[in-house]
Amino acid sequence: MTTNTQQPSRPGIKDGRTSEFTLFFNVKPGHGQQIRDIFQQPGFEEKRKEMSARIGTLHDARWVLFDNDTRLLFATNFDGDWDAYIDDFAAQIPDVFDAVLQHTEDYPGIHDPNIKDLIVAHQETACSYFRTIPNATVKDLQKAMRVQEAFQRLLDEAS
C-alpha cells in the first residue's frame, strides 16, 4: 500500500521563490470600525514590525476594508511553501489574526483544525503576479541591505 504524502494543491501564483496570497472576507455588519481600531492602537506600528520579523518570509502585507466596510482584503507576498507560511502565522502571530478576523463571518480561530481549508475557501489567485527580483527572498534582501550599509559606512570613513 502506497501512502500519498503530497501536499494538496494550494491557490496563489509563484514567481521565482515568492508567492502572492490574497484573502477576501465578509465583515460582520457594523464591525468595520472595530477592525480599523485594531490597526490604530498605540504601539501597533512597533508591534507590526516585530511581528513581520518573527515570520521571516513576509515581504509585505495589507488589510483593506472596502464595499462600505462589508468586505475585508488581506494580501501578502511571501517566500517558500504555502503550508509553512500559514503555520508560521498560527505559531508566530495568532493574536493579530484572531483579533481582526473575529469580525468576519465564519472565522473559527487560527488554531481551528480546519483553518487551512477556510483560508483556501477565502483565497483568490491573482490574475497576474510578478516580482521585479523574483528569486530574492526576505533574507536575501535583508543581507543585501546590511552589506550596502556596511559598504556605505566604509566609504564614509574613507572620505
N, C-alpha and C. Protein backbone atom coordinates (compact mmCIF):
# COMPACT_ATOMS: atom_id res chain seq x y z
N MET A 1 0.85 -1.18 0.00
CA MET A 1 0.00 0.00 0.00
C MET A 1 0.88 1.24 0.00
N THR A 2 0.61 2.16 -0.90
CA THR A 2 1.37 3.40 -1.01
C THR A 2 0.61 4.52 -0.34
N THR A 3 1.30 5.29 0.47
CA THR A 3 0.69 6.44 1.14
C THR A 3 1.04 7.70 0.38
N ASN A 4 0.05 8.48 0.04
CA ASN A 4 0.28 9.75 -0.66
C ASN A 4 0.60 10.82 0.37
N THR A 5 1.83 11.32 0.36
CA THR A 5 2.24 12.33 1.32
C THR A 5 2.34 13.71 0.69
N GLN A 6 1.85 13.85 -0.56
CA GLN A 6 1.91 15.15 -1.22
C GLN A 6 0.95 16.13 -0.55
N GLN A 7 1.38 17.40 -0.52
CA GLN A 7 0.51 18.45 -0.02
C GLN A 7 -0.60 18.69 -1.04
N PRO A 8 -1.78 19.09 -0.56
CA PRO A 8 -2.84 19.43 -1.51
C PRO A 8 -2.45 20.67 -2.31
N SER A 9 -3.06 20.79 -3.47
CA SER A 9 -2.80 21.97 -4.31
C SER A 9 -3.29 23.21 -3.58
N ARG A 10 -2.49 24.25 -3.62
CA ARG A 10 -2.84 25.50 -2.92
C ARG A 10 -2.99 26.62 -3.95
N PRO A 11 -3.89 27.58 -3.68
CA PRO A 11 -4.05 28.71 -4.60
C PRO A 11 -2.87 29.66 -4.52
N GLY A 12 -2.81 30.57 -5.48
CA GLY A 12 -1.76 31.58 -5.50
C GLY A 12 -0.76 31.32 -6.61
N ILE A 13 -0.18 32.39 -7.11
CA ILE A 13 0.83 32.31 -8.16
C ILE A 13 2.20 32.49 -7.53
N LYS A 14 3.15 31.69 -7.99
CA LYS A 14 4.52 31.79 -7.52
C LYS A 14 5.35 32.41 -8.64
N ASP A 15 6.22 33.35 -8.28
CA ASP A 15 7.17 33.93 -9.22
C ASP A 15 8.54 33.79 -8.58
N GLY A 16 9.36 32.93 -9.13
CA GLY A 16 10.65 32.66 -8.50
C GLY A 16 10.43 31.98 -7.17
N ARG A 17 10.95 32.58 -6.12
CA ARG A 17 10.84 31.99 -4.78
C ARG A 17 9.75 32.66 -3.95
N THR A 18 8.96 33.53 -4.58
CA THR A 18 7.95 34.31 -3.86
C THR A 18 6.56 34.02 -4.41
N SER A 19 5.56 33.97 -3.52
CA SER A 19 4.18 33.73 -3.92
C SER A 19 3.29 34.86 -3.47
N GLU A 20 2.20 35.05 -4.21
CA GLU A 20 1.18 36.01 -3.81
C GLU A 20 0.11 35.29 -3.01
N PHE A 21 -0.56 36.04 -2.14
CA PHE A 21 -1.54 35.47 -1.22
C PHE A 21 -2.62 36.53 -1.00
N THR A 22 -3.84 36.24 -1.42
CA THR A 22 -4.92 37.22 -1.31
C THR A 22 -6.17 36.57 -0.74
N LEU A 23 -6.65 37.09 0.37
CA LEU A 23 -7.86 36.58 1.02
C LEU A 23 -8.94 37.66 1.02
N PHE A 24 -10.19 37.23 0.87
CA PHE A 24 -11.35 38.12 0.95
C PHE A 24 -12.31 37.55 1.99
N PHE A 25 -12.79 38.42 2.87
CA PHE A 25 -13.74 38.01 3.90
C PHE A 25 -14.95 38.94 3.89
N ASN A 26 -16.08 38.42 4.33
CA ASN A 26 -17.25 39.26 4.58
C ASN A 26 -17.17 39.73 6.02
N VAL A 27 -17.30 41.02 6.21
CA VAL A 27 -17.23 41.61 7.55
C VAL A 27 -18.61 41.52 8.19
N LYS A 28 -18.62 41.19 9.47
CA LYS A 28 -19.89 41.17 10.19
C LYS A 28 -20.49 42.57 10.16
N PRO A 29 -21.79 42.69 10.03
CA PRO A 29 -22.42 44.02 9.97
C PRO A 29 -22.00 44.89 11.16
N GLY A 30 -21.55 46.12 10.84
CA GLY A 30 -21.18 47.09 11.86
C GLY A 30 -19.81 46.90 12.48
N HIS A 31 -18.98 45.98 11.98
CA HIS A 31 -17.69 45.69 12.60
C HIS A 31 -16.49 46.35 11.92
N GLY A 32 -16.73 47.14 10.88
CA GLY A 32 -15.63 47.78 10.16
C GLY A 32 -14.76 48.66 11.05
N GLN A 33 -15.39 49.47 11.87
CA GLN A 33 -14.62 50.38 12.73
C GLN A 33 -13.81 49.61 13.75
N GLN A 34 -14.33 48.50 14.23
CA GLN A 34 -13.56 47.69 15.19
C GLN A 34 -12.28 47.16 14.54
N ILE A 35 -12.36 46.82 13.27
CA ILE A 35 -11.15 46.37 12.55
C ILE A 35 -10.17 47.53 12.43
N ARG A 36 -10.66 48.70 12.02
CA ARG A 36 -9.77 49.88 11.92
C ARG A 36 -9.11 50.19 13.26
N ASP A 37 -9.88 50.09 14.33
CA ASP A 37 -9.35 50.40 15.66
C ASP A 37 -8.16 49.51 16.04
N ILE A 38 -8.16 48.27 15.59
CA ILE A 38 -7.05 47.37 15.89
C ILE A 38 -5.74 47.95 15.36
N PHE A 39 -5.78 48.48 14.13
CA PHE A 39 -4.57 48.98 13.50
C PHE A 39 -4.19 50.38 13.96
N GLN A 40 -5.09 51.05 14.65
CA GLN A 40 -4.82 52.40 15.13
C GLN A 40 -4.45 52.43 16.62
N GLN A 41 -4.33 51.27 17.23
CA GLN A 41 -3.95 51.22 18.64
C GLN A 41 -2.55 51.78 18.84
N PRO A 42 -2.33 52.50 19.94
CA PRO A 42 -0.98 52.99 20.22
C PRO A 42 0.01 51.82 20.27
N GLY A 43 1.13 51.99 19.62
CA GLY A 43 2.17 50.98 19.62
C GLY A 43 1.99 49.89 18.57
N PHE A 44 0.92 49.96 17.78
CA PHE A 44 0.70 48.89 16.81
C PHE A 44 1.80 48.86 15.75
N GLU A 45 2.29 50.02 15.33
CA GLU A 45 3.33 50.06 14.29
C GLU A 45 4.58 49.32 14.74
N GLU A 46 5.00 49.51 15.98
CA GLU A 46 6.16 48.80 16.51
C GLU A 46 5.87 47.30 16.59
N LYS A 47 4.67 46.98 17.02
CA LYS A 47 4.27 45.58 17.12
C LYS A 47 4.26 44.94 15.73
N ARG A 48 3.81 45.67 14.72
CA ARG A 48 3.76 45.16 13.35
C ARG A 48 5.16 44.81 12.86
N LYS A 49 6.11 45.69 13.11
CA LYS A 49 7.48 45.43 12.67
C LYS A 49 8.04 44.18 13.35
N GLU A 50 7.79 44.04 14.62
CA GLU A 50 8.27 42.87 15.36
C GLU A 50 7.59 41.60 14.86
N MET A 51 6.30 41.68 14.54
CA MET A 51 5.58 40.51 14.05
C MET A 51 6.11 40.07 12.69
N SER A 52 6.35 41.01 11.80
CA SER A 52 6.84 40.63 10.47
C SER A 52 8.24 40.03 10.56
N ALA A 53 9.04 40.50 11.49
CA ALA A 53 10.37 39.92 11.70
C ALA A 53 10.25 38.47 12.19
N ARG A 54 9.24 38.20 13.02
CA ARG A 54 9.03 36.84 13.51
C ARG A 54 8.69 35.88 12.39
N ILE A 55 7.89 36.34 11.42
CA ILE A 55 7.50 35.48 10.31
C ILE A 55 8.73 35.18 9.45
N GLY A 56 9.50 36.20 9.09
CA GLY A 56 10.76 35.99 8.39
C GLY A 56 10.67 35.74 6.89
N THR A 57 9.48 35.40 6.38
CA THR A 57 9.31 35.15 4.95
C THR A 57 8.32 36.12 4.33
N LEU A 58 7.85 37.07 5.11
CA LEU A 58 6.82 38.01 4.70
C LEU A 58 7.43 39.24 4.04
N HIS A 59 7.12 39.47 2.77
CA HIS A 59 7.62 40.65 2.07
C HIS A 59 6.79 41.88 2.41
N ASP A 60 5.49 41.75 2.36
CA ASP A 60 4.61 42.87 2.68
C ASP A 60 3.23 42.33 3.01
N ALA A 61 2.41 43.17 3.62
CA ALA A 61 1.04 42.77 3.96
C ALA A 61 0.16 44.01 3.98
N ARG A 62 -1.06 43.83 3.57
CA ARG A 62 -2.04 44.92 3.65
C ARG A 62 -3.41 44.36 3.96
N TRP A 63 -4.11 45.12 4.79
CA TRP A 63 -5.51 44.85 5.13
C TRP A 63 -6.31 46.01 4.55
N VAL A 64 -7.38 45.72 3.84
CA VAL A 64 -8.18 46.77 3.21
C VAL A 64 -9.65 46.48 3.45
N LEU A 65 -10.33 47.44 4.06
CA LEU A 65 -11.80 47.38 4.16
C LEU A 65 -12.36 48.05 2.91
N PHE A 66 -13.36 47.44 2.29
CA PHE A 66 -13.96 48.04 1.10
C PHE A 66 -15.43 47.66 1.02
N ASP A 67 -16.10 48.17 -0.02
CA ASP A 67 -17.55 47.98 -0.18
C ASP A 67 -18.30 48.41 1.08
N ASN A 68 -18.04 49.67 1.48
CA ASN A 68 -18.70 50.24 2.67
C ASN A 68 -18.50 49.39 3.92
N ASP A 69 -17.26 48.93 4.10
CA ASP A 69 -16.88 48.13 5.27
C ASP A 69 -17.59 46.78 5.36
N THR A 70 -18.05 46.26 4.24
CA THR A 70 -18.69 44.94 4.26
C THR A 70 -17.74 43.83 3.85
N ARG A 71 -16.58 44.20 3.28
CA ARG A 71 -15.61 43.22 2.82
C ARG A 71 -14.22 43.60 3.32
N LEU A 72 -13.40 42.60 3.54
CA LEU A 72 -12.04 42.79 4.03
C LEU A 72 -11.09 42.00 3.15
N LEU A 73 -10.02 42.68 2.72
CA LEU A 73 -8.95 42.07 1.93
C LEU A 73 -7.72 41.93 2.81
N PHE A 74 -7.08 40.80 2.74
CA PHE A 74 -5.75 40.62 3.32
C PHE A 74 -4.89 40.09 2.20
N ALA A 75 -3.81 40.81 1.86
CA ALA A 75 -2.94 40.42 0.77
C ALA A 75 -1.48 40.52 1.19
N THR A 76 -0.71 39.50 0.83
CA THR A 76 0.72 39.47 1.15
C THR A 76 1.50 38.84 0.00
N ASN A 77 2.80 38.94 0.11
CA ASN A 77 3.74 38.20 -0.72
C ASN A 77 4.67 37.50 0.26
N PHE A 78 5.02 36.26 -0.04
CA PHE A 78 5.85 35.51 0.90
C PHE A 78 6.80 34.57 0.17
N ASP A 79 7.83 34.17 0.88
CA ASP A 79 8.80 33.21 0.37
C ASP A 79 8.43 31.81 0.85
N GLY A 80 8.65 30.84 -0.01
CA GLY A 80 8.53 29.45 0.42
C GLY A 80 7.18 28.82 0.21
N ASP A 81 6.92 27.84 1.04
CA ASP A 81 5.77 26.96 0.94
C ASP A 81 4.52 27.55 1.60
N TRP A 82 3.37 27.39 0.95
CA TRP A 82 2.09 27.91 1.43
C TRP A 82 1.77 27.37 2.83
N ASP A 83 1.86 26.06 3.01
CA ASP A 83 1.50 25.46 4.30
C ASP A 83 2.41 25.95 5.42
N ALA A 84 3.70 26.08 5.15
CA ALA A 84 4.64 26.59 6.15
C ALA A 84 4.31 28.04 6.51
N TYR A 85 3.90 28.81 5.51
CA TYR A 85 3.53 30.21 5.74
C TYR A 85 2.34 30.30 6.68
N ILE A 86 1.32 29.51 6.43
CA ILE A 86 0.13 29.52 7.31
C ILE A 86 0.51 29.03 8.70
N ASP A 87 1.33 28.00 8.78
CA ASP A 87 1.80 27.51 10.08
C ASP A 87 2.54 28.59 10.85
N ASP A 88 3.35 29.39 10.13
CA ASP A 88 4.08 30.49 10.78
C ASP A 88 3.11 31.52 11.38
N PHE A 89 2.07 31.87 10.64
CA PHE A 89 1.10 32.83 11.18
C PHE A 89 0.44 32.26 12.43
N ALA A 90 0.07 31.00 12.38
CA ALA A 90 -0.59 30.39 13.53
C ALA A 90 0.34 30.32 14.74
N ALA A 91 1.61 30.05 14.49
CA ALA A 91 2.57 29.90 15.59
C ALA A 91 3.13 31.22 16.08
N GLN A 92 3.38 32.16 15.15
CA GLN A 92 4.11 33.37 15.50
C GLN A 92 3.23 34.57 15.84
N ILE A 93 2.10 34.73 15.15
CA ILE A 93 1.28 35.93 15.39
C ILE A 93 -0.22 35.61 15.37
N PRO A 94 -0.63 34.60 16.12
CA PRO A 94 -2.04 34.22 16.08
C PRO A 94 -2.98 35.31 16.60
N ASP A 95 -2.52 36.11 17.55
CA ASP A 95 -3.40 37.11 18.16
C ASP A 95 -3.90 38.15 17.16
N VAL A 96 -3.06 38.53 16.22
CA VAL A 96 -3.47 39.53 15.23
C VAL A 96 -4.58 38.97 14.35
N PHE A 97 -4.39 37.76 13.87
CA PHE A 97 -5.41 37.18 13.01
C PHE A 97 -6.72 36.98 13.75
N ASP A 98 -6.63 36.48 14.95
CA ASP A 98 -7.87 36.29 15.72
C ASP A 98 -8.52 37.64 16.03
N ALA A 99 -7.74 38.65 16.36
CA ALA A 99 -8.30 39.97 16.69
C ALA A 99 -9.03 40.57 15.50
N VAL A 100 -8.43 40.47 14.32
CA VAL A 100 -9.04 41.07 13.12
C VAL A 100 -10.17 40.19 12.60
N LEU A 101 -9.86 38.93 12.39
CA LEU A 101 -10.81 38.06 11.69
C LEU A 101 -12.01 37.63 12.52
N GLN A 102 -11.97 37.86 13.83
CA GLN A 102 -13.17 37.60 14.63
C GLN A 102 -14.33 38.50 14.18
N HIS A 103 -14.01 39.57 13.47
CA HIS A 103 -15.02 40.50 12.97
C HIS A 103 -15.51 40.12 11.57
N THR A 104 -15.13 38.94 11.12
CA THR A 104 -15.61 38.47 9.82
C THR A 104 -16.49 37.23 10.01
N GLU A 105 -17.27 36.97 8.99
CA GLU A 105 -18.21 35.84 9.06
C GLU A 105 -17.46 34.51 8.93
N ASP A 106 -17.88 33.55 9.69
CA ASP A 106 -17.41 32.16 9.59
C ASP A 106 -15.97 31.93 10.03
N TYR A 107 -15.35 32.86 10.73
CA TYR A 107 -13.96 32.66 11.15
C TYR A 107 -13.94 31.87 12.46
N PRO A 108 -13.33 30.67 12.46
CA PRO A 108 -13.35 29.81 13.65
C PRO A 108 -12.19 30.03 14.61
N GLY A 109 -11.18 30.81 14.21
CA GLY A 109 -9.98 30.98 15.03
C GLY A 109 -8.80 30.32 14.34
N ILE A 110 -7.62 30.90 14.52
CA ILE A 110 -6.43 30.45 13.81
C ILE A 110 -6.01 29.03 14.20
N HIS A 111 -6.39 28.56 15.37
CA HIS A 111 -5.99 27.23 15.82
C HIS A 111 -7.03 26.16 15.51
N ASP A 112 -8.08 26.53 14.81
CA ASP A 112 -9.08 25.53 14.40
C ASP A 112 -8.41 24.50 13.50
N PRO A 113 -8.70 23.21 13.69
CA PRO A 113 -8.04 22.19 12.86
C PRO A 113 -8.33 22.32 11.36
N ASN A 114 -9.39 23.01 11.00
CA ASN A 114 -9.75 23.18 9.60
C ASN A 114 -9.40 24.56 9.05
N ILE A 115 -8.50 25.29 9.72
CA ILE A 115 -8.21 26.67 9.33
C ILE A 115 -7.65 26.75 7.90
N LYS A 116 -6.83 25.79 7.51
CA LYS A 116 -6.27 25.85 6.15
C LYS A 116 -7.37 25.70 5.09
N ASP A 117 -8.37 24.88 5.36
CA ASP A 117 -9.49 24.75 4.43
C ASP A 117 -10.26 26.06 4.35
N LEU A 118 -10.46 26.72 5.49
CA LEU A 118 -11.16 28.00 5.49
C LEU A 118 -10.36 29.04 4.70
N ILE A 119 -9.06 29.05 4.89
CA ILE A 119 -8.22 30.01 4.17
C ILE A 119 -8.30 29.76 2.67
N VAL A 120 -8.20 28.51 2.25
CA VAL A 120 -8.32 28.19 0.83
C VAL A 120 -9.67 28.65 0.29
N ALA A 121 -10.73 28.49 1.08
CA ALA A 121 -12.07 28.90 0.65
C ALA A 121 -12.17 30.42 0.47
N HIS A 122 -11.34 31.18 1.18
CA HIS A 122 -11.37 32.65 1.10
C HIS A 122 -10.25 33.22 0.22
N GLN A 123 -9.37 32.36 -0.27
CA GLN A 123 -8.24 32.83 -1.07
C GLN A 123 -8.61 32.86 -2.54
N GLU A 124 -8.18 33.93 -3.20
CA GLU A 124 -8.34 34.07 -4.65
C GLU A 124 -6.95 34.20 -5.26
N THR A 125 -6.73 33.48 -6.34
CA THR A 125 -5.47 33.57 -7.05
C THR A 125 -5.49 34.81 -7.94
N ALA A 126 -4.40 35.55 -7.93
CA ALA A 126 -4.29 36.76 -8.75
C ALA A 126 -4.39 36.41 -10.24
N CYS A 127 -4.86 37.36 -11.02
CA CYS A 127 -4.88 37.20 -12.48
C CYS A 127 -3.46 37.29 -13.02
N SER A 128 -2.64 38.10 -12.35
CA SER A 128 -1.26 38.29 -12.76
C SER A 128 -0.45 38.63 -11.51
N TYR A 129 0.76 38.13 -11.47
CA TYR A 129 1.64 38.41 -10.34
C TYR A 129 3.08 38.34 -10.83
N PHE A 130 3.88 39.33 -10.50
CA PHE A 130 5.29 39.27 -10.83
C PHE A 130 6.08 40.01 -9.77
N ARG A 131 7.33 39.64 -9.65
CA ARG A 131 8.27 40.30 -8.76
C ARG A 131 9.39 40.85 -9.63
N THR A 132 9.87 42.02 -9.30
CA THR A 132 10.98 42.60 -10.05
C THR A 132 12.22 41.73 -9.92
N ILE A 133 12.45 41.24 -8.72
CA ILE A 133 13.59 40.34 -8.48
C ILE A 133 13.00 39.08 -7.85
N PRO A 134 12.48 38.16 -8.66
CA PRO A 134 11.68 37.05 -8.14
C PRO A 134 12.42 36.04 -7.26
N ASN A 135 13.72 35.97 -7.38
CA ASN A 135 14.45 34.99 -6.57
C ASN A 135 15.05 35.58 -5.29
N ALA A 136 14.79 36.85 -5.02
CA ALA A 136 15.30 37.48 -3.81
C ALA A 136 14.31 37.25 -2.67
N THR A 137 14.74 36.47 -1.69
CA THR A 137 13.90 36.23 -0.52
C THR A 137 14.05 37.39 0.46
N VAL A 138 13.22 37.39 1.49
CA VAL A 138 13.34 38.41 2.54
C VAL A 138 14.74 38.36 3.14
N LYS A 139 15.24 37.18 3.42
CA LYS A 139 16.58 37.05 4.00
C LYS A 139 17.65 37.57 3.04
N ASP A 140 17.49 37.29 1.75
CA ASP A 140 18.44 37.82 0.77
C ASP A 140 18.44 39.35 0.77
N LEU A 141 17.25 39.94 0.79
CA LEU A 141 17.14 41.39 0.78
C LEU A 141 17.70 42.02 2.05
N GLN A 142 17.43 41.40 3.20
CA GLN A 142 17.99 41.91 4.45
C GLN A 142 19.51 41.85 4.44
N LYS A 143 20.06 40.76 3.92
CA LYS A 143 21.51 40.62 3.83
C LYS A 143 22.09 41.67 2.90
N ALA A 144 21.46 41.88 1.76
CA ALA A 144 21.93 42.89 0.80
C ALA A 144 21.92 44.28 1.44
N MET A 145 20.91 44.57 2.24
CA MET A 145 20.84 45.88 2.92
C MET A 145 21.97 46.01 3.94
N ARG A 146 22.27 44.95 4.67
CA ARG A 146 23.37 45.01 5.64
C ARG A 146 24.70 45.23 4.93
N VAL A 147 24.91 44.55 3.81
CA VAL A 147 26.14 44.72 3.03
C VAL A 147 26.23 46.15 2.51
N GLN A 148 25.12 46.66 1.97
CA GLN A 148 25.09 48.03 1.45
C GLN A 148 25.40 49.05 2.56
N GLU A 149 24.79 48.88 3.72
CA GLU A 149 25.03 49.81 4.84
C GLU A 149 26.49 49.75 5.28
N ALA A 150 27.06 48.55 5.35
CA ALA A 150 28.46 48.42 5.75
C ALA A 150 29.38 49.06 4.71
N PHE A 151 29.06 48.86 3.45
CA PHE A 151 29.84 49.46 2.38
C PHE A 151 29.77 50.99 2.44
N GLN A 152 28.60 51.55 2.67
CA GLN A 152 28.43 52.99 2.77
C GLN A 152 29.23 53.56 3.97
N ARG A 153 29.22 52.82 5.08
CA ARG A 153 29.99 53.26 6.25
C ARG A 153 31.48 53.29 5.91
N LEU A 154 31.92 52.26 5.22
CA LEU A 154 33.32 52.18 4.81
C LEU A 154 33.68 53.35 3.90
N LEU A 155 32.82 53.67 2.95
CA LEU A 155 33.07 54.82 2.07
C LEU A 155 33.07 56.13 2.86
N ASP A 156 32.13 56.27 3.79
CA ASP A 156 32.07 57.49 4.59
C ASP A 156 33.35 57.65 5.44
N GLU A 157 33.83 56.55 6.01
CA GLU A 157 35.02 56.61 6.83
C GLU A 157 36.25 56.92 5.98
N ALA A 158 36.27 56.48 4.74
CA ALA A 158 37.42 56.71 3.86
C ALA A 158 37.47 58.12 3.33
N SER A 159 36.34 58.84 3.38
CA SER A 159 36.35 60.20 2.81
C SER A 159 36.70 61.26 3.82
